[in-house]
Each structure stands twice: as C-alpha cells, then as structure tokens.
Amino acid sequence: MRTAKRSNKYSAQRTTLDGIPFDSRREAKRWAELCLLEHAGEIADLRRQVPLMLEGRDGPLLTRTGRRMRLTVDFAYTDLRTGLTVFEDAKGVPTRDYEVRRAVAAAQGMEIREV
C-alpha cells in the first residue's frame, strides 16, 4: 500500500535547478541571481547550506541531547564591494525556532539577511 505524498507545511515546492535540489522555488531563484552576481564579479566564495555554530557567553549552545546548536543558512558569500561575508536565508514564513536562532546569531555578530 502506498501512502499519500505529504505536502509542505508552508506550501513550498521542492525544485531542481541545474541539477541542484532546492527546498523552494524562492531559494532556487535566489541561487540563480547570486550565480549571476558571482559571474559578474560582484560577489565571491558563494556557498549553499552553510552551518553556523551558535554560542552563548559561556561557550557553545547545546541541544537537549548535548549536540551543538546550529543555524543552517541557505547562502553565504563575500560581497566584494564591502569585503564582508553575507549570510542569506530564503524565508517565506519564519518559524519561532528560526527567530530564536537568528537572534542568537545576531548577538554573535552574524547578521542574517532574509530574501
């Protein structure tokens, strides 16, 4: 017996672009835009699904199981105009968990840009 395929909670449709799977069309579209910017020489070191380890003032934040807590952003790259590393997340509906992790990352000096 086959089970029905579950739909995404927030109606995001998984898609593939240039053989790369993405969690949503928004994420795939932003990847294509960033690839063009990298090709034009405006950004460099473009990466996908970059894990950021979260730390508090007393050391790494841990989950209930003792593993290090992390926030995985969709994209990271270096803006060649400013020389800064930029973290981006393609979010349609931010969850409470994401908001907390984003706030912790901001306290560490890692600003996450939502697109």
PDB file of N, CA and C in Angstrom:
ATOM      1  N   MET A   1       0.845  -1.172   0.000  1.00  0.00           N
ATOM      2  CA  MET A   1       0.000   0.000   0.000  1.00  0.00           C
ATOM      3  C   MET A   1       0.894   1.240   0.000  1.00  0.00           C
ATOM      4  N   ARG A   2       0.585   2.187  -0.824  1.00  0.00           N
ATOM      5  CA  ARG A   2       1.354   3.428  -0.904  1.00  0.00           C
ATOM      6  C   ARG A   2       0.681   4.490  -0.051  1.00  0.00           C
ATOM      7  N   THR A   3       1.509   5.282   0.582  1.00  0.00           N
ATOM      8  CA  THR A   3       0.962   6.387   1.355  1.00  0.00           C
ATOM      9  C   THR A   3       0.971   7.643   0.494  1.00  0.00           C
ATOM     10  N   ALA A   4       0.072   8.531   0.797  1.00  0.00           N
ATOM     11  CA  ALA A   4      -0.005   9.780   0.044  1.00  0.00           C
ATOM     12  C   ALA A   4       1.226  10.628   0.330  1.00  0.00           C
ATOM     13  N   LYS A   5       1.700  11.312  -0.694  1.00  0.00           N
ATOM     14  CA  LYS A   5       2.867  12.172  -0.541  1.00  0.00           C
ATOM     15  C   LYS A   5       2.463  13.401   0.271  1.00  0.00           C
ATOM     16  N   ARG A   6       3.235  13.678   1.327  1.00  0.00           N
ATOM     17  CA  ARG A   6       2.912  14.814   2.190  1.00  0.00           C
ATOM     18  C   ARG A   6       3.287  16.119   1.510  1.00  0.00           C
ATOM     19  N   SER A   7       2.433  17.104   1.659  1.00  0.00           N
ATOM     20  CA  SER A   7       2.749  18.423   1.121  1.00  0.00           C
ATOM     21  C   SER A   7       3.492  19.220   2.188  1.00  0.00           C
ATOM     22  N   ASN A   8       4.181  20.252   1.749  1.00  0.00           N
ATOM     23  CA  ASN A   8       4.940  21.086   2.657  1.00  0.00           C
ATOM     24  C   ASN A   8       3.995  21.915   3.513  1.00  0.00           C
ATOM     25  N   LYS A   9       4.349  22.097   4.769  1.00  0.00           N
ATOM     26  CA  LYS A   9       3.529  22.840   5.719  1.00  0.00           C
ATOM     27  C   LYS A   9       3.254  24.263   5.243  1.00  0.00           C
ATOM     28  N   TYR A  10       4.238  24.874   4.583  1.00  0.00           N
ATOM     29  CA  TYR A  10       4.101  26.259   4.138  1.00  0.00           C
ATOM     30  C   TYR A  10       3.949  26.369   2.622  1.00  0.00           C
ATOM     31  N   SER A  11       3.547  25.302   1.964  1.00  0.00           N
ATOM     32  CA  SER A  11       3.303  25.245   0.518  1.00  0.00           C
ATOM     33  C   SER A  11       4.543  25.465  -0.335  1.00  0.00           C
ATOM     34  N   ALA A  12       5.726  25.284   0.221  1.00  0.00           N
ATOM     35  CA  ALA A  12       6.957  25.387  -0.568  1.00  0.00           C
ATOM     36  C   ALA A  12       7.061  24.149  -1.457  1.00  0.00           C
ATOM     37  N   GLN A  13       7.461  24.357  -2.702  1.00  0.00           N
ATOM     38  CA  GLN A  13       7.592  23.242  -3.633  1.00  0.00           C
ATOM     39  C   GLN A  13       9.060  22.980  -3.910  1.00  0.00           C
ATOM     40  N   ARG A  14       9.503  21.766  -3.588  1.00  0.00           N
ATOM     41  CA  ARG A  14      10.887  21.393  -3.874  1.00  0.00           C
ATOM     42  C   ARG A  14      11.106  21.468  -5.377  1.00  0.00           C
ATOM     43  N   THR A  15      12.267  21.966  -5.761  1.00  0.00           N
ATOM     44  CA  THR A  15      12.569  22.132  -7.178  1.00  0.00           C
ATOM     45  C   THR A  15      14.043  21.869  -7.431  1.00  0.00           C
ATOM     46  N   THR A  16      14.384  21.642  -8.678  1.00  0.00           N
ATOM     47  CA  THR A  16      15.771  21.390  -9.066  1.00  0.00           C
ATOM     48  C   THR A  16      16.172  22.414 -10.115  1.00  0.00           C
ATOM     49  N   LEU A  17      17.367  22.981  -9.949  1.00  0.00           N
ATOM     50  CA  LEU A  17      17.903  23.955 -10.897  1.00  0.00           C
ATOM     51  C   LEU A  17      19.336  23.562 -11.196  1.00  0.00           C
ATOM     52  N   ASP A  18      19.647  23.330 -12.458  1.00  0.00           N
ATOM     53  CA  ASP A  18      20.989  22.907 -12.880  1.00  0.00           C
ATOM     54  C   ASP A  18      21.449  21.651 -12.141  1.00  0.00           C
ATOM     55  N   GLY A  19      20.501  20.750 -11.864  1.00  0.00           N
ATOM     56  CA  GLY A  19      20.830  19.501 -11.192  1.00  0.00           C
ATOM     57  C   GLY A  19      20.991  19.621  -9.684  1.00  0.00           C
ATOM     58  N   ILE A  20      20.739  20.806  -9.127  1.00  0.00           N
ATOM     59  CA  ILE A  20      20.877  21.033  -7.687  1.00  0.00           C
ATOM     60  C   ILE A  20      19.482  21.094  -7.073  1.00  0.00           C
ATOM     61  N   PRO A  21      19.194  20.260  -6.054  1.00  0.00           N
ATOM     62  CA  PRO A  21      17.872  20.307  -5.424  1.00  0.00           C
ATOM     63  C   PRO A  21      17.759  21.482  -4.444  1.00  0.00           C
ATOM     64  N   PHE A  22      16.608  22.138  -4.457  1.00  0.00           N
ATOM     65  CA  PHE A  22      16.324  23.252  -3.553  1.00  0.00           C
ATOM     66  C   PHE A  22      15.022  22.978  -2.821  1.00  0.00           C
ATOM     67  N   ASP A  23      14.898  23.525  -1.607  1.00  0.00           N
ATOM     68  CA  ASP A  23      13.699  23.314  -0.802  1.00  0.00           C
ATOM     69  C   ASP A  23      12.505  24.126  -1.297  1.00  0.00           C
ATOM     70  N   SER A  24      12.758  25.191  -2.066  1.00  0.00           N
ATOM     71  CA  SER A  24      11.658  26.014  -2.569  1.00  0.00           C
ATOM     72  C   SER A  24      12.059  26.694  -3.871  1.00  0.00           C
ATOM     73  N   ARG A  25      11.058  27.164  -4.592  1.00  0.00           N
ATOM     74  CA  ARG A  25      11.326  27.918  -5.817  1.00  0.00           C
ATOM     75  C   ARG A  25      12.003  29.240  -5.495  1.00  0.00           C
ATOM     76  N   ARG A  26      11.639  29.851  -4.367  1.00  0.00           N
ATOM     77  CA  ARG A  26      12.256  31.106  -3.942  1.00  0.00           C
ATOM     78  C   ARG A  26      13.761  30.925  -3.756  1.00  0.00           C
ATOM     79  N   GLU A  27      14.143  29.830  -3.112  1.00  0.00           N
ATOM     80  CA  GLU A  27      15.562  29.545  -2.876  1.00  0.00           C
ATOM     81  C   GLU A  27      16.299  29.311  -4.203  1.00  0.00           C
ATOM     82  N   ALA A  28      15.680  28.578  -5.122  1.00  0.00           N
ATOM     83  CA  ALA A  28      16.305  28.317  -6.424  1.00  0.00           C
ATOM     84  C   ALA A  28      16.473  29.609  -7.215  1.00  0.00           C
ATOM     85  N   LYS A  29      15.465  30.473  -7.164  1.00  0.00           N
ATOM     86  CA  LYS A  29      15.540  31.747  -7.885  1.00  0.00           C
ATOM     87  C   LYS A  29      16.669  32.609  -7.324  1.00  0.00           C
ATOM     88  N   ARG A  30      16.791  32.656  -6.001  1.00  0.00           N
ATOM     89  CA  ARG A  30      17.850  33.467  -5.393  1.00  0.00           C
ATOM     90  C   ARG A  30      19.223  32.901  -5.734  1.00  0.00           C
ATOM     91  N   TRP A  31      19.348  31.578  -5.780  1.00  0.00           N
ATOM     92  CA  TRP A  31      20.617  30.946  -6.159  1.00  0.00           C
ATOM     93  C   TRP A  31      21.022  31.384  -7.570  1.00  0.00           C
ATOM     94  N   ALA A  32      20.066  31.391  -8.494  1.00  0.00           N
ATOM     95  CA  ALA A  32      20.352  31.806  -9.869  1.00  0.00           C
ATOM     96  C   ALA A  32      20.817  33.262  -9.903  1.00  0.00           C
ATOM     97  N   GLU A  33      20.171  34.132  -9.108  1.00  0.00           N
ATOM     98  CA  GLU A  33      20.575  35.542  -9.042  1.00  0.00           C
ATOM     99  C   GLU A  33      21.993  35.680  -8.494  1.00  0.00           C
ATOM    100  N   LEU A  34      22.292  34.933  -7.433  1.00  0.00           N
ATOM    101  CA  LEU A  34      23.623  35.012  -6.824  1.00  0.00           C
ATOM    102  C   LEU A  34      24.698  34.470  -7.767  1.00  0.00           C
ATOM    103  N   CYS A  35      24.366  33.435  -8.538  1.00  0.00           N
ATOM    104  CA  CYS A  35      25.331  32.903  -9.515  1.00  0.00           C
ATOM    105  C   CYS A  35      25.666  33.955 -10.564  1.00  0.00           C
ATOM    106  N   LEU A  36      24.663  34.724 -10.989  1.00  0.00           N
ATOM    107  CA  LEU A  36      24.908  35.805 -11.947  1.00  0.00           C
ATOM    108  C   LEU A  36      25.800  36.885 -11.337  1.00  0.00           C
ATOM    109  N   LEU A  37      25.550  37.236 -10.067  1.00  0.00           N
ATOM    110  CA  LEU A  37      26.382  38.238  -9.392  1.00  0.00           C
ATOM    111  C   LEU A  37      27.820  37.750  -9.244  1.00  0.00           C
ATOM    112  N   GLU A  38      27.983  36.451  -8.972  1.00  0.00           N
ATOM    113  CA  GLU A  38      29.332  35.902  -8.849  1.00  0.00           C
ATOM    114  C   GLU A  38      30.038  35.937 -10.209  1.00  0.00           C
ATOM    115  N   HIS A  39      29.312  35.598 -11.252  1.00  0.00           N
ATOM    116  CA  HIS A  39      29.885  35.617 -12.604  1.00  0.00           C
ATOM    117  C   HIS A  39      30.258  37.044 -13.026  1.00  0.00           C
ATOM    118  N   ALA A  40      29.480  38.037 -12.558  1.00  0.00           N
ATOM    119  CA  ALA A  40      29.745  39.443 -12.886  1.00  0.00           C
ATOM    120  C   ALA A  40      30.881  40.023 -12.046  1.00  0.00           C
ATOM    121  N   GLY A  41      31.338  39.270 -11.038  1.00  0.00           N
ATOM    122  CA  GLY A  41      32.456  39.732 -10.225  1.00  0.00           C
ATOM    123  C   GLY A  41      32.070  40.626  -9.060  1.00  0.00           C
ATOM    124  N   GLU A  42      30.776  40.646  -8.695  1.00  0.00           N
ATOM    125  CA  GLU A  42      30.338  41.472  -7.575  1.00  0.00           C
ATOM    126  C   GLU A  42      30.439  40.740  -6.243  1.00  0.00           C
ATOM    127  N   ILE A  43      30.327  39.404  -6.279  1.00  0.00           N
ATOM    128  CA  ILE A  43      30.467  38.594  -5.069  1.00  0.00           C
ATOM    129  C   ILE A  43      31.433  37.445  -5.353  1.00  0.00           C
ATOM    130  N   ALA A  44      31.912  36.813  -4.279  1.00  0.00           N
ATOM    131  CA  ALA A  44      32.833  35.676  -4.422  1.00  0.00           C
ATOM    132  C   ALA A  44      32.536  34.661  -3.325  1.00  0.00           C
ATOM    133  N   ASP A  45      33.105  33.470  -3.466  1.00  0.00           N
ATOM    134  CA  ASP A  45      33.001  32.417  -2.451  1.00  0.00           C
ATOM    135  C   ASP A  45      31.545  32.066  -2.128  1.00  0.00           C
ATOM    136  N   LEU A  46      30.723  31.912  -3.157  1.00  0.00           N
ATOM    137  CA  LEU A  46      29.310  31.586  -2.984  1.00  0.00           C
ATOM    138  C   LEU A  46      29.167  30.140  -2.517  1.00  0.00           C
ATOM    139  N   ARG A  47      28.420  29.946  -1.414  1.00  0.00           N
ATOM    140  CA  ARG A  47      28.202  28.609  -0.849  1.00  0.00           C
ATOM    141  C   ARG A  47      26.732  28.427  -0.499  1.00  0.00           C
ATOM    142  N   ARG A  48      26.284  27.158  -0.491  1.00  0.00           N
ATOM    143  CA  ARG A  48      24.909  26.805  -0.122  1.00  0.00           C
ATOM    144  C   ARG A  48      24.890  26.025   1.178  1.00  0.00           C
ATOM    145  N   GLN A  49      23.777  26.131   1.904  1.00  0.00           N
ATOM    146  CA  GLN A  49      23.513  25.347   3.116  1.00  0.00           C
ATOM    147  C   GLN A  49      24.709  25.382   4.071  1.00  0.00           C
ATOM    148  N   VAL A  50      25.020  26.568   4.554  1.00  0.00           N
ATOM    149  CA  VAL A  50      26.185  26.792   5.405  1.00  0.00           C
ATOM    150  C   VAL A  50      25.768  26.713   6.871  1.00  0.00           C
ATOM    151  N   PRO A  51      26.352  25.785   7.654  1.00  0.00           N
ATOM    152  CA  PRO A  51      26.007  25.698   9.077  1.00  0.00           C
ATOM    153  C   PRO A  51      26.775  26.738   9.893  1.00  0.00           C
ATOM    154  N   LEU A  52      26.052  27.459  10.763  1.00  0.00           N
ATOM    155  CA  LEU A  52      26.663  28.421  11.677  1.00  0.00           C
ATOM    156  C   LEU A  52      26.485  27.872  13.088  1.00  0.00           C
ATOM    157  N   MET A  53      27.575  27.627  13.784  1.00  0.00           N
ATOM    158  CA  MET A  53      27.503  27.114  15.145  1.00  0.00           C
ATOM    159  C   MET A  53      27.150  28.261  16.090  1.00  0.00           C
ATOM    160  N   LEU A  54      26.165  28.030  16.954  1.00  0.00           N
ATOM    161  CA  LEU A  54      25.695  29.078  17.852  1.00  0.00           C
ATOM    162  C   LEU A  54      26.378  28.968  19.208  1.00  0.00           C
ATOM    163  N   GLU A  55      26.799  30.113  19.717  1.00  0.00           N
ATOM    164  CA  GLU A  55      27.484  30.146  21.009  1.00  0.00           C
ATOM    165  C   GLU A  55      26.890  31.227  21.883  1.00  0.00           C
ATOM    166  N   GLY A  56      26.898  30.971  23.183  1.00  0.00           N
ATOM    167  CA  GLY A  56      26.495  31.962  24.173  1.00  0.00           C
ATOM    168  C   GLY A  56      27.734  32.533  24.824  1.00  0.00           C
ATOM    169  N   ARG A  57      27.555  33.307  25.875  1.00  0.00           N
ATOM    170  CA  ARG A  57      28.723  33.919  26.519  1.00  0.00           C
ATOM    171  C   ARG A  57      29.576  32.891  27.256  1.00  0.00           C
ATOM    172  N   ASP A  58      28.979  31.744  27.606  1.00  0.00           N
ATOM    173  CA  ASP A  58      29.711  30.713  28.350  1.00  0.00           C
ATOM    174  C   ASP A  58      30.177  29.557  27.477  1.00  0.00           C
ATOM    175  N   GLY A  59      30.072  29.690  26.175  1.00  0.00           N
ATOM    176  CA  GLY A  59      30.514  28.622  25.282  1.00  0.00           C
ATOM    177  C   GLY A  59      29.419  28.210  24.327  1.00  0.00           C
ATOM    178  N   PRO A  60      29.586  27.060  23.682  1.00  0.00           N
ATOM    179  CA  PRO A  60      28.614  26.622  22.677  1.00  0.00           C
ATOM    180  C   PRO A  60      27.248  26.321  23.291  1.00  0.00           C
ATOM    181  N   LEU A  61      26.190  26.650  22.550  1.00  0.00           N
ATOM    182  CA  LEU A  61      24.840  26.296  22.969  1.00  0.00           C
ATOM    183  C   LEU A  61      24.602  24.845  22.583  1.00  0.00           C
ATOM    184  N   LEU A  62      23.958  24.114  23.476  1.00  0.00           N
ATOM    185  CA  LEU A  62      23.736  22.684  23.254  1.00  0.00           C
ATOM    186  C   LEU A  62      22.250  22.372  23.199  1.00  0.00           C
ATOM    187  N   THR A  63      21.899  21.366  22.412  1.00  0.00           N
ATOM    188  CA  THR A  63      20.526  20.883  22.373  1.00  0.00           C
ATOM    189  C   THR A  63      20.297  20.000  23.595  1.00  0.00           C
ATOM    190  N   ARG A  64      19.069  19.523  23.764  1.00  0.00           N
ATOM    191  CA  ARG A  64      18.772  18.644  24.904  1.00  0.00           C
ATOM    192  C   ARG A  64      19.576  17.356  24.868  1.00  0.00           C
ATOM    193  N   THR A  65      19.977  16.940  23.675  1.00  0.00           N
ATOM    194  CA  THR A  65      20.751  15.702  23.546  1.00  0.00           C
ATOM    195  C   THR A  65      22.252  15.943  23.663  1.00  0.00           C
ATOM    196  N   GLY A  66      22.652  17.201  23.873  1.00  0.00           N
ATOM    197  CA  GLY A  66      24.062  17.504  24.070  1.00  0.00           C
ATOM    198  C   GLY A  66      24.823  17.866  22.806  1.00  0.00           C
ATOM    199  N   ARG A  67      24.136  17.916  21.672  1.00  0.00           N
ATOM    200  CA  ARG A  67      24.810  18.299  20.428  1.00  0.00           C
ATOM    201  C   ARG A  67      24.854  19.812  20.311  1.00  0.00           C
ATOM    202  N   ARG A  68      25.862  20.317  19.588  1.00  0.00           N
ATOM    203  CA  ARG A  68      25.987  21.762  19.401  1.00  0.00           C
ATOM    204  C   ARG A  68      24.834  22.283  18.544  1.00  0.00           C
ATOM    205  N   MET A  69      24.259  23.402  18.965  1.00  0.00           N
ATOM    206  CA  MET A  69      23.156  24.003  18.241  1.00  0.00           C
ATOM    207  C   MET A  69      23.702  24.789  17.054  1.00  0.00           C
ATOM    208  N   ARG A  70      22.999  24.703  15.946  1.00  0.00           N
ATOM    209  CA  ARG A  70      23.453  25.421  14.763  1.00  0.00           C
ATOM    210  C   ARG A  70      22.261  25.991  14.007  1.00  0.00           C
ATOM    211  N   LEU A  71      22.571  26.964  13.180  1.00  0.00           N
ATOM    212  CA  LEU A  71      21.605  27.552  12.266  1.00  0.00           C
ATOM    213  C   LEU A  71      22.186  27.363  10.876  1.00  0.00           C
ATOM    214  N   THR A  72      21.461  26.694  10.001  1.00  0.00           N
ATOM    215  CA  THR A  72      21.940  26.479   8.640  1.00  0.00           C
ATOM    216  C   THR A  72      21.289  27.520   7.740  1.00  0.00           C
ATOM    217  N   VAL A  73      22.123  28.405   7.180  1.00  0.00           N
ATOM    218  CA  VAL A  73      21.610  29.440   6.276  1.00  0.00           C
ATOM    219  C   VAL A  73      21.674  28.920   4.845  1.00  0.00           C
ATOM    220  N   ASP A  74      20.792  29.438   4.009  1.00  0.00           N
ATOM    221  CA  ASP A  74      20.727  28.967   2.632  1.00  0.00           C
ATOM    222  C   ASP A  74      21.966  29.343   1.830  1.00  0.00           C
ATOM    223  N   PHE A  75      22.458  30.585   2.012  1.00  0.00           N
ATOM    224  CA  PHE A  75      23.585  31.053   1.207  1.00  0.00           C
ATOM    225  C   PHE A  75      24.559  31.868   2.044  1.00  0.00           C
ATOM    226  N   ALA A  76      25.828  31.784   1.683  1.00  0.00           N
ATOM    227  CA  ALA A  76      26.866  32.643   2.256  1.00  0.00           C
ATOM    228  C   ALA A  76      27.791  33.030   1.117  1.00  0.00           C
ATOM    229  N   TYR A  77      28.230  34.282   1.124  1.00  0.00           N
ATOM    230  CA  TYR A  77      29.146  34.758   0.091  1.00  0.00           C
ATOM    231  C   TYR A  77      29.870  35.990   0.599  1.00  0.00           C
ATOM    232  N   THR A  78      30.918  36.377  -0.110  1.00  0.00           N
ATOM    233  CA  THR A  78      31.667  37.583   0.218  1.00  0.00           C
ATOM    234  C   THR A  78      31.260  38.680  -0.749  1.00  0.00           C
ATOM    235  N   ASP A  79      30.803  39.807  -0.200  1.00  0.00           N
ATOM    236  CA  ASP A  79      30.466  40.978  -1.010  1.00  0.00           C
ATOM    237  C   ASP A  79      31.771  41.706  -1.304  1.00  0.00           C
ATOM    238  N   LEU A  80      32.186  41.744  -2.559  1.00  0.00           N
ATOM    239  CA  LEU A  80      33.485  42.309  -2.917  1.00  0.00           C
ATOM    240  C   LEU A  80      33.527  43.831  -2.794  1.00  0.00           C
ATOM    241  N   ARG A  81      32.369  44.495  -2.750  1.00  0.00           N
ATOM    242  CA  ARG A  81      32.360  45.949  -2.564  1.00  0.00           C
ATOM    243  C   ARG A  81      32.713  46.319  -1.131  1.00  0.00           C
ATOM    244  N   THR A  82      32.242  45.512  -0.168  1.00  0.00           N
ATOM    245  CA  THR A  82      32.483  45.818   1.247  1.00  0.00           C
ATOM    246  C   THR A  82      33.532  44.910   1.871  1.00  0.00           C
ATOM    247  N   GLY A  83      33.747  43.737   1.276  1.00  0.00           N
ATOM    248  CA  GLY A  83      34.681  42.770   1.834  1.00  0.00           C
ATOM    249  C   GLY A  83      34.088  41.943   2.959  1.00  0.00           C
ATOM    250  N   LEU A  84      32.791  42.107   3.228  1.00  0.00           N
ATOM    251  CA  LEU A  84      32.135  41.396   4.321  1.00  0.00           C
ATOM    252  C   LEU A  84      31.502  40.096   3.837  1.00  0.00           C
ATOM    253  N   THR A  85      31.426  39.123   4.752  1.00  0.00           N
ATOM    254  CA  THR A  85      30.711  37.883   4.464  1.00  0.00           C
ATOM    255  C   THR A  85      29.233  38.123   4.729  1.00  0.00           C
ATOM    256  N   VAL A  86      28.397  37.747   3.771  1.00  0.00           N
ATOM    257  CA  VAL A  86      26.954  37.944   3.872  1.00  0.00           C
ATOM    258  C   VAL A  86      26.292  36.579   4.013  1.00  0.00           C
ATOM    259  N   PHE A  87      25.355  36.471   4.974  1.00  0.00           N
ATOM    260  CA  PHE A  87      24.575  35.254   5.171  1.00  0.00           C
ATOM    261  C   PHE A  87      23.142  35.562   4.763  1.00  0.00           C
ATOM    262  N   GLU A  88      22.555  34.707   3.922  1.00  0.00           N
ATOM    263  CA  GLU A  88      21.183  34.911   3.455  1.00  0.00           C
ATOM    264  C   GLU A  88      20.357  33.659   3.679  1.00  0.00           C
ATOM    265  N   ASP A  89      19.077  33.883   3.970  1.00  0.00           N
ATOM    266  CA  ASP A  89      18.136  32.793   4.119  1.00  0.00           C
ATOM    267  C   ASP A  89      16.883  33.145   3.327  1.00  0.00           C
ATOM    268  N   ALA A  90      16.457  32.264   2.457  1.00  0.00           N
ATOM    269  CA  ALA A  90      15.240  32.475   1.671  1.00  0.00           C
ATOM    270  C   ALA A  90      14.067  31.981   2.507  1.00  0.00           C
ATOM    271  N   LYS A  91      13.392  32.901   3.169  1.00  0.00           N
ATOM    272  CA  LYS A  91      12.304  32.542   4.078  1.00  0.00           C
ATOM    273  C   LYS A  91      10.986  33.104   3.590  1.00  0.00           C
ATOM    274  N   GLY A  92       9.982  32.275   3.580  1.00  0.00           N
ATOM    275  CA  GLY A  92       8.634  32.740   3.310  1.00  0.00           C
ATOM    276  C   GLY A  92       7.947  33.030   4.630  1.00  0.00           C
ATOM    277  N   VAL A  93       7.945  32.038   5.517  1.00  0.00           N
ATOM    278  CA  VAL A  93       7.325  32.162   6.832  1.00  0.00           C
ATOM    279  C   VAL A  93       8.363  31.772   7.884  1.00  0.00           C
ATOM    280  N   PRO A  94       8.909  32.746   8.618  1.00  0.00           N
ATOM    281  CA  PRO A  94       9.897  32.406   9.651  1.00  0.00           C
ATOM    282  C   PRO A  94       9.228  31.702  10.837  1.00  0.00           C
ATOM    283  N   THR A  95       9.814  30.615  11.288  1.00  0.00           N
ATOM    284  CA  THR A  95       9.287  29.887  12.439  1.00  0.00           C
ATOM    285  C   THR A  95       9.844  30.475  13.730  1.00  0.00           C
ATOM    286  N   ARG A  96       9.251  30.128  14.845  1.00  0.00           N
ATOM    287  CA  ARG A  96       9.720  30.619  16.140  1.00  0.00           C
ATOM    288  C   ARG A  96      11.145  30.135  16.403  1.00  0.00           C
ATOM    289  N   ASP A  97      11.423  28.895  16.073  1.00  0.00           N
ATOM    290  CA  ASP A  97      12.764  28.337  16.257  1.00  0.00           C
ATOM    291  C   ASP A  97      13.791  29.122  15.445  1.00  0.00           C
ATOM    292  N   TYR A  98      13.444  29.448  14.206  1.00  0.00           N
ATOM    293  CA  TYR A  98      14.350  30.219  13.355  1.00  0.00           C
ATOM    294  C   TYR A  98      14.597  31.607  13.944  1.00  0.00           C
ATOM    295  N   GLU A  99      13.543  32.251  14.435  1.00  0.00           N
ATOM    296  CA  GLU A  99      13.686  33.596  15.005  1.00  0.00           C
ATOM    297  C   GLU A  99      14.642  33.589  16.193  1.00  0.00           C
ATOM    298  N   VAL A 100      14.543  32.585  17.052  1.00  0.00           N
ATOM    299  CA  VAL A 100      15.432  32.491  18.217  1.00  0.00           C
ATOM    300  C   VAL A 100      16.869  32.276  17.764  1.00  0.00           C
ATOM    301  N   ARG A 101      17.076  31.355  16.845  1.00  0.00           N
ATOM    302  CA  ARG A 101      18.433  31.083  16.367  1.00  0.00           C
ATOM    303  C   ARG A 101      19.017  32.293  15.640  1.00  0.00           C
ATOM    304  N   ARG A 102      18.186  33.001  14.890  1.00  0.00           N
ATOM    305  CA  ARG A 102      18.665  34.203  14.206  1.00  0.00           C
ATOM    306  C   ARG A 102      19.081  35.266  15.218  1.00  0.00           C
ATOM    307  N   ALA A 103      18.334  35.406  16.308  1.00  0.00           N
ATOM    308  CA  ALA A 103      18.678  36.379  17.343  1.00  0.00           C
ATOM    309  C   ALA A 103      19.996  36.018  18.021  1.00  0.00           C
ATOM    310  N   VAL A 104      20.216  34.733  18.275  1.00  0.00           N
ATOM    311  CA  VAL A 104      21.479  34.291  18.882  1.00  0.00           C
ATOM    312  C   VAL A 104      22.633  34.562  17.920  1.00  0.00           C
ATOM    313  N   ALA A 105      22.436  34.271  16.640  1.00  0.00           N
ATOM    314  CA  ALA A 105      23.481  34.536  15.645  1.00  0.00           C
ATOM    315  C   ALA A 105      23.774  36.031  15.567  1.00  0.00           C
ATOM    316  N   ALA A 106      22.742  36.868  15.652  1.00  0.00           N
ATOM    317  CA  ALA A 106      22.940  38.321  15.620  1.00  0.00           C
ATOM    318  C   ALA A 106      23.737  38.780  16.835  1.00  0.00           C
ATOM    319  N   ALA A 107      23.501  38.163  17.990  1.00  0.00           N
ATOM    320  CA  ALA A 107      24.261  38.507  19.194  1.00  0.00           C
ATOM    321  C   ALA A 107      25.735  38.136  19.033  1.00  0.00           C
ATOM    322  N   GLN A 108      26.024  37.169  18.180  1.00  0.00           N
ATOM    323  CA  GLN A 108      27.404  36.772  17.895  1.00  0.00           C
ATOM    324  C   GLN A 108      28.013  37.628  16.785  1.00  0.00           C
ATOM    325  N   GLY A 109      27.241  38.561  16.237  1.00  0.00           N
ATOM    326  CA  GLY A 109      27.748  39.424  15.178  1.00  0.00           C
ATOM    327  C   GLY A 109      27.508  38.894  13.780  1.00  0.00           C
ATOM    328  N   MET A 110      26.674  37.858  13.646  1.00  0.00           N
ATOM    329  CA  MET A 110      26.359  37.292  12.326  1.00  0.00           C
ATOM    330  C   MET A 110      24.948  37.725  11.943  1.00  0.00           C
ATOM    331  N   GLU A 111      24.855  38.728  11.115  1.00  0.00           N
ATOM    332  CA  GLU A 111      23.564  39.234  10.662  1.00  0.00           C
ATOM    333  C   GLU A 111      23.083  38.374   9.502  1.00  0.00           C
ATOM    334  N   ILE A 112      21.827  37.913   9.574  1.00  0.00           N
ATOM    335  CA  ILE A 112      21.270  37.066   8.524  1.00  0.00           C
ATOM    336  C   ILE A 112      20.254  37.879   7.734  1.00  0.00           C
ATOM    337  N   ARG A 113      20.480  37.985   6.447  1.00  0.00           N
ATOM    338  CA  ARG A 113      19.597  38.741   5.559  1.00  0.00           C
ATOM    339  C   ARG A 113      18.543  37.786   5.026  1.00  0.00           C
ATOM    340  N   GLU A 114      17.276  38.157   5.181  1.00  0.00           N
ATOM    341  CA  GLU A 114      16.182  37.335   4.657  1.00  0.00           C
ATOM    342  C   GLU A 114      15.785  37.849   3.281  1.00  0.00           C
ATOM    343  N   VAL A 115      15.646  36.923   2.343  1.00  0.00           N
ATOM    344  CA  VAL A 115      15.246  37.301   0.981  1.00  0.00           C
ATOM    345  C   VAL A 115      13.985  36.571   0.591  1.00  0.00           C
TER     346      VAL A 115
END
